[in-house]
Amino acid sequence: MNHEQPAVSLHGSCHCGSVRLILPSAPETATSCNCSLCRRTGGIWAYYELGTVAIHGHPDSTESYVWGDRTLKNYRCRTCGIFNHWEPIELKPGVRHGVNLRNFEPALLELVVVRRFDGADTWTFLD
């Protein structure tokens, strides 16, 4: 009897498919944040070194939104409005970016430990 888990797809997209994402590997952890933006968009964020996630349709099919301390650009699809990823404004070697795991099949998210982060107040993990 084979007890191996089936491979989980590392391919995702926004709702309309204009922005497609391919992860280099499945994340072990992700973050659910309660800051004013994350609680409204419902994103669950996995982090990768900038440039390691293939993002097809970016920048032609995306638009950015910058707020708060103006350190991140949050990208969403121009057509369906779904938030896909964020990138730091200051691009320097080794920086990471966040990818919204809600753009992937639920099976991927089921394999990930999701940590709760208090981005609204204490700027600490709640677990």
C-alpha atoms as a PDB file:
ATOM      1  CA  MET A   1       0.000   0.000   0.000  1.00  0.00           C
ATOM      2  CA  ASN A   2       1.338   3.434  -0.942  1.00  0.00           C
ATOM      3  CA  HIS A   3       1.103   5.976   1.899  1.00  0.00           C
ATOM      4  CA  GLU A   4       2.902   8.810   0.102  1.00  0.00           C
ATOM      5  CA  GLN A   5       1.102  12.117  -0.169  1.00  0.00           C
ATOM      6  CA  PRO A   6       0.273  13.153  -3.747  1.00  0.00           C
ATOM      7  CA  ALA A   7       2.327  16.039  -5.088  1.00  0.00           C
ATOM      8  CA  VAL A   8       0.737  19.413  -4.420  1.00  0.00           C
ATOM      9  CA  SER A   9       0.644  21.916  -7.258  1.00  0.00           C
ATOM     10  CA  LEU A  10       2.931  24.907  -6.863  1.00  0.00           C
ATOM     11  CA  HIS A  11       1.054  26.731  -9.624  1.00  0.00           C
ATOM     12  CA  GLY A  12      -1.526  29.361  -8.738  1.00  0.00           C
ATOM     13  CA  SER A  13      -3.290  32.347 -10.233  1.00  0.00           C
ATOM     14  CA  CYS A  14      -5.581  35.246  -9.543  1.00  0.00           C
ATOM     15  CA  HIS A  15      -9.304  34.648 -10.098  1.00  0.00           C
ATOM     16  CA  CYS A  16      -9.314  35.515 -13.812  1.00  0.00           C
ATOM     17  CA  GLY A  17      -5.947  33.906 -14.582  1.00  0.00           C
ATOM     18  CA  SER A  18      -4.232  37.049 -15.867  1.00  0.00           C
ATOM     19  CA  VAL A  19      -1.555  36.721 -13.174  1.00  0.00           C
ATOM     20  CA  ARG A  20      -0.044  33.255 -12.729  1.00  0.00           C
ATOM     21  CA  LEU A  21       2.433  32.277 -10.015  1.00  0.00           C
ATOM     22  CA  ILE A  22       4.834  29.346  -9.763  1.00  0.00           C
ATOM     23  CA  LEU A  23       6.527  28.729  -6.415  1.00  0.00           C
ATOM     24  CA  PRO A  24      10.075  27.326  -6.333  1.00  0.00           C
ATOM     25  CA  SER A  25       9.090  25.056  -3.417  1.00  0.00           C
ATOM     26  CA  ALA A  26       6.225  24.533  -0.998  1.00  0.00           C
ATOM     27  CA  PRO A  27       6.530  26.813   2.026  1.00  0.00           C
ATOM     28  CA  GLU A  28       6.753  25.322   5.500  1.00  0.00           C
ATOM     29  CA  THR A  29       5.186  28.356   7.174  1.00  0.00           C
ATOM     30  CA  ALA A  30       3.041  31.314   6.205  1.00  0.00           C
ATOM     31  CA  THR A  31       1.683  34.390   7.946  1.00  0.00           C
ATOM     32  CA  SER A  32      -1.859  35.559   8.574  1.00  0.00           C
ATOM     33  CA  CYS A  33      -1.659  39.220   9.559  1.00  0.00           C
ATOM     34  CA  ASN A  34      -4.326  41.484  11.065  1.00  0.00           C
ATOM     35  CA  CYS A  35      -2.975  44.827   9.810  1.00  0.00           C
ATOM     36  CA  SER A  36      -5.506  47.102   8.136  1.00  0.00           C
ATOM     37  CA  LEU A  37      -4.663  45.825   4.633  1.00  0.00           C
ATOM     38  CA  CYS A  38      -4.221  42.102   5.312  1.00  0.00           C
ATOM     39  CA  ARG A  39      -7.412  41.761   7.337  1.00  0.00           C
ATOM     40  CA  ARG A  40      -9.341  43.321   4.455  1.00  0.00           C
ATOM     41  CA  THR A  41      -7.734  41.280   1.671  1.00  0.00           C
ATOM     42  CA  GLY A  42      -7.602  37.997   3.592  1.00  0.00           C
ATOM     43  CA  GLY A  43      -4.139  37.172   2.313  1.00  0.00           C
ATOM     44  CA  ILE A  44      -2.013  34.404   3.788  1.00  0.00           C
ATOM     45  CA  TRP A  45       1.598  35.192   2.982  1.00  0.00           C
ATOM     46  CA  ALA A  46       4.520  32.899   2.220  1.00  0.00           C
ATOM     47  CA  TYR A  47       7.957  34.463   1.812  1.00  0.00           C
ATOM     48  CA  TYR A  48      10.570  33.832  -0.857  1.00  0.00           C
ATOM     49  CA  GLU A  49      13.748  35.496  -2.013  1.00  0.00           C
ATOM     50  CA  LEU A  50      12.791  38.119  -4.586  1.00  0.00           C
ATOM     51  CA  GLY A  51      13.058  36.694  -8.077  1.00  0.00           C
ATOM     52  CA  THR A  52      12.601  33.030  -7.127  1.00  0.00           C
ATOM     53  CA  VAL A  53       8.830  32.963  -7.730  1.00  0.00           C
ATOM     54  CA  ALA A  54       7.815  33.049 -11.399  1.00  0.00           C
ATOM     55  CA  ILE A  55       5.083  35.666 -11.813  1.00  0.00           C
ATOM     56  CA  HIS A  56       3.574  35.623 -15.293  1.00  0.00           C
ATOM     57  CA  GLY A  57       1.497  38.666 -16.210  1.00  0.00           C
ATOM     58  CA  HIS A  58       3.522  40.987 -13.977  1.00  0.00           C
ATOM     59  CA  PRO A  59       3.855  43.930 -14.467  1.00  0.00           C
ATOM     60  CA  ASP A  60       1.538  44.124 -17.518  1.00  0.00           C
ATOM     61  CA  SER A  61      -1.521  42.726 -15.706  1.00  0.00           C
ATOM     62  CA  THR A  62      -0.836  44.098 -12.223  1.00  0.00           C
ATOM     63  CA  GLU A  63      -1.122  47.397 -10.425  1.00  0.00           C
ATOM     64  CA  SER A  64       0.550  48.376  -7.181  1.00  0.00           C
ATOM     65  CA  TYR A  65      -0.686  49.926  -3.980  1.00  0.00           C
ATOM     66  CA  VAL A  66       1.673  51.535  -1.461  1.00  0.00           C
ATOM     67  CA  TRP A  67       0.575  52.634   2.005  1.00  0.00           C
ATOM     68  CA  GLY A  68       1.726  53.047   5.607  1.00  0.00           C
ATOM     69  CA  ASP A  69       5.490  53.261   6.058  1.00  0.00           C
ATOM     70  CA  ARG A  70       5.924  53.101   2.256  1.00  0.00           C
ATOM     71  CA  THR A  71       8.329  50.151   2.272  1.00  0.00           C
ATOM     72  CA  LEU A  72       6.200  47.661   0.283  1.00  0.00           C
ATOM     73  CA  LYS A  73       4.361  47.593  -3.029  1.00  0.00           C
ATOM     74  CA  ASN A  74       1.277  45.390  -2.843  1.00  0.00           C
ATOM     75  CA  TYR A  75       0.318  44.000  -6.264  1.00  0.00           C
ATOM     76  CA  ARG A  76      -3.114  42.988  -7.467  1.00  0.00           C
ATOM     77  CA  CYS A  77      -4.547  41.921 -10.800  1.00  0.00           C
ATOM     78  CA  ARG A  78      -5.787  44.822 -12.941  1.00  0.00           C
ATOM     79  CA  THR A  79      -8.739  42.720 -14.141  1.00  0.00           C
ATOM     80  CA  CYS A  80     -10.157  40.834 -11.138  1.00  0.00           C
ATOM     81  CA  GLY A  81      -8.544  42.810  -8.285  1.00  0.00           C
ATOM     82  CA  ILE A  82      -7.106  39.815  -6.421  1.00  0.00           C
ATOM     83  CA  PHE A  83      -3.940  40.543  -4.386  1.00  0.00           C
ATOM     84  CA  ASN A  84      -1.104  38.341  -5.650  1.00  0.00           C
ATOM     85  CA  HIS A  85       2.110  39.412  -3.978  1.00  0.00           C
ATOM     86  CA  TRP A  86       4.084  42.220  -2.414  1.00  0.00           C
ATOM     87  CA  GLU A  87       7.622  43.413  -3.066  1.00  0.00           C
ATOM     88  CA  PRO A  88       9.868  45.760  -1.116  1.00  0.00           C
ATOM     89  CA  ILE A  89      10.212  49.206  -2.664  1.00  0.00           C
ATOM     90  CA  GLU A  90      13.944  49.201  -1.966  1.00  0.00           C
ATOM     91  CA  LEU A  91      15.335  46.362  -4.060  1.00  0.00           C
ATOM     92  CA  LYS A  92      18.649  45.140  -2.706  1.00  0.00           C
ATOM     93  CA  PRO A  93      20.367  41.728  -2.746  1.00  0.00           C
ATOM     94  CA  GLY A  94      18.734  39.070  -0.580  1.00  0.00           C
ATOM     95  CA  VAL A  95      15.396  40.816  -0.025  1.00  0.00           C
ATOM     96  CA  ARG A  96      12.290  38.700   0.106  1.00  0.00           C
ATOM     97  CA  HIS A  97       8.755  39.195  -1.076  1.00  0.00           C
ATOM     98  CA  GLY A  98       5.409  37.792  -0.019  1.00  0.00           C
ATOM     99  CA  VAL A  99       3.147  35.593  -2.123  1.00  0.00           C
ATOM    100  CA  ASN A 100      -0.540  35.253  -1.292  1.00  0.00           C
ATOM    101  CA  LEU A 101      -1.202  31.534  -0.829  1.00  0.00           C
ATOM    102  CA  ARG A 102      -4.930  32.151  -1.311  1.00  0.00           C
ATOM    103  CA  ASN A 103      -4.112  32.128  -5.052  1.00  0.00           C
ATOM    104  CA  PHE A 104      -3.297  28.399  -4.877  1.00  0.00           C
ATOM    105  CA  GLU A 105      -5.369  25.255  -4.444  1.00  0.00           C
ATOM    106  CA  PRO A 106      -6.456  24.708  -0.810  1.00  0.00           C
ATOM    107  CA  ALA A 107      -4.377  21.490  -0.629  1.00  0.00           C
ATOM    108  CA  LEU A 108      -1.177  23.565  -0.582  1.00  0.00           C
ATOM    109  CA  LEU A 109      -2.365  25.711   2.316  1.00  0.00           C
ATOM    110  CA  GLU A 110      -3.358  22.589   4.279  1.00  0.00           C
ATOM    111  CA  LEU A 111       0.318  21.535   4.335  1.00  0.00           C
ATOM    112  CA  VAL A 112       1.556  24.857   5.727  1.00  0.00           C
ATOM    113  CA  VAL A 113       1.786  26.018   9.343  1.00  0.00           C
ATOM    114  CA  VAL A 114       0.026  29.397   9.350  1.00  0.00           C
ATOM    115  CA  ARG A 115       1.300  31.738  12.047  1.00  0.00           C
ATOM    116  CA  ARG A 116      -0.845  34.623  13.301  1.00  0.00           C
ATOM    117  CA  PHE A 117       0.914  37.986  13.285  1.00  0.00           C
ATOM    118  CA  ASP A 118      -0.309  41.121  15.064  1.00  0.00           C
ATOM    119  CA  GLY A 119       0.546  43.728  12.453  1.00  0.00           C
ATOM    120  CA  ALA A 120      -2.186  46.009  13.789  1.00  0.00           C
ATOM    121  CA  ASP A 121      -0.745  46.640  17.219  1.00  0.00           C
ATOM    122  CA  THR A 122       2.234  44.814  18.778  1.00  0.00           C
ATOM    123  CA  TRP A 123       4.108  43.751  15.627  1.00  0.00           C
ATOM    124  CA  THR A 124       4.677  40.288  17.160  1.00  0.00           C
ATOM    125  CA  PHE A 125       3.521  36.741  16.477  1.00  0.00           C
ATOM    126  CA  LEU A 126       0.509  35.696  18.531  1.00  0.00           C
ATOM    127  CA  ASP A 127       1.276  31.981  18.647  1.00  0.00           C
END
